[in-house]
Protein backbone atom coordinates (compact mmCIF):
# COMPACT_ATOMS: atom_id res chain seq x y z
CA MET A 1 -6.05 35.86 -11.17
CA SER A 2 -7.50 34.17 -13.99
CA PRO A 3 -10.93 35.05 -15.10
CA LEU A 4 -12.47 31.67 -14.24
CA LEU A 5 -10.68 31.92 -10.93
CA GLU A 6 -12.67 34.57 -10.44
CA GLN A 7 -15.81 33.35 -10.95
CA VAL A 8 -15.51 30.67 -9.12
CA LEU A 9 -14.46 32.42 -6.43
CA GLN A 10 -17.43 35.31 -6.82
CA GLU A 11 -20.15 31.68 -7.05
CA ILE A 12 -18.46 30.17 -3.37
CA GLU A 13 -19.09 33.50 -1.73
CA GLN A 14 -22.85 33.08 -3.09
CA LEU A 15 -22.64 29.41 -0.94
CA THR A 16 -23.95 29.11 2.77
CA ILE A 17 -20.83 28.28 5.39
CA GLU A 18 -21.82 24.47 5.35
CA GLU A 19 -21.71 24.76 1.53
CA GLN A 20 -18.27 26.82 1.56
CA LEU A 21 -16.55 24.32 4.14
CA GLU A 22 -17.67 22.00 1.53
CA VAL A 23 -15.98 23.11 -0.95
CA ILE A 24 -13.21 23.37 1.37
CA SER A 25 -11.81 19.71 2.60
CA HIS A 26 -12.97 19.20 -1.00
CA ALA A 27 -9.89 21.41 -2.17
CA THR A 28 -7.83 20.14 0.33
CA GLU A 29 -8.59 16.27 -0.68
CA GLN A 30 -7.65 16.90 -4.06
CA LEU A 31 -4.51 18.73 -2.71
CA LYS A 32 -3.18 15.52 -0.41
CA ARG A 33 -3.86 13.51 -3.32
CA ARG A 34 -2.42 14.91 -5.69
CA THR A 35 1.18 15.45 -3.53
CA LEU A 36 0.56 12.44 -2.38
CA THR A 37 1.04 11.10 -5.69
CA GLN A 38 4.09 13.73 -6.94
CA HIS A 39 6.13 11.82 -3.72
CA ASN A 40 5.61 9.39 -4.18
CA PRO A 41 4.79 8.15 -7.35
CA LYS A 42 3.76 4.69 -7.95
CA ARG A 43 7.31 2.03 -9.70
CA SER A 44 6.96 -0.41 -11.45
CA TRP A 45 8.60 -3.94 -10.97
CA GLN A 46 10.23 -3.37 -14.56
CA GLU A 47 12.72 -0.91 -12.91
CA LEU A 48 13.81 -3.05 -11.08
CA ARG A 49 14.44 -5.00 -13.67
CA GLY A 50 18.74 -5.73 -13.07
CA ILE A 51 19.35 -3.47 -10.23
CA ALA A 52 21.04 -6.77 -8.48
CA PRO A 53 21.92 -9.55 -11.38
CA ASN A 54 23.12 -12.36 -10.24
CA LEU A 55 22.14 -11.81 -6.41
CA LEU A 56 20.97 -15.73 -6.22
CA ASN A 57 24.55 -16.72 -8.46
CA GLY A 58 21.98 -19.75 -9.67
CA GLN A 59 20.49 -20.41 -6.74
CA ASP A 60 16.77 -22.04 -6.73
CA ALA A 61 14.85 -18.63 -5.42
CA GLN A 62 12.75 -20.85 -3.23
CA GLU A 63 15.69 -22.48 -1.90
CA TRP A 64 17.35 -19.44 -1.11
CA VAL A 65 14.33 -17.96 0.52
CA ASN A 66 14.49 -21.75 2.54
CA GLN A 67 17.81 -21.01 3.26
CA LEU A 68 17.33 -17.38 4.84
CA ARG A 69 14.56 -18.28 7.39
CA ARG A 70 16.90 -20.91 8.59
CA GLU A 71 19.32 -18.51 9.47
CA GLN A 72 16.66 -15.88 10.92
CA ASP A 73 15.54 -19.23 13.22
CA ASP A 74 19.03 -19.54 14.15
CA GLU A 75 19.76 -16.28 14.96
CA SER A 76 16.47 -15.84 17.32
CA ILE A 77 17.59 -18.64 18.89
């Protein structure tokens, strides 16, 4: 155990029960945030570049979206 950790633990023992519970809550929230950040790293749109080249085959993007919407509307009838 590091000297810093020993010191922190000794200081925590001197706190009231409510303060100790606050320390636990704070530490838990910190760990949750770190765990979520590590498991779900933020992705950049640049990473998607080139994944599906020529997806639209030269078709206008807005026309492609409109076509998909029409197809979905037709399926739901």
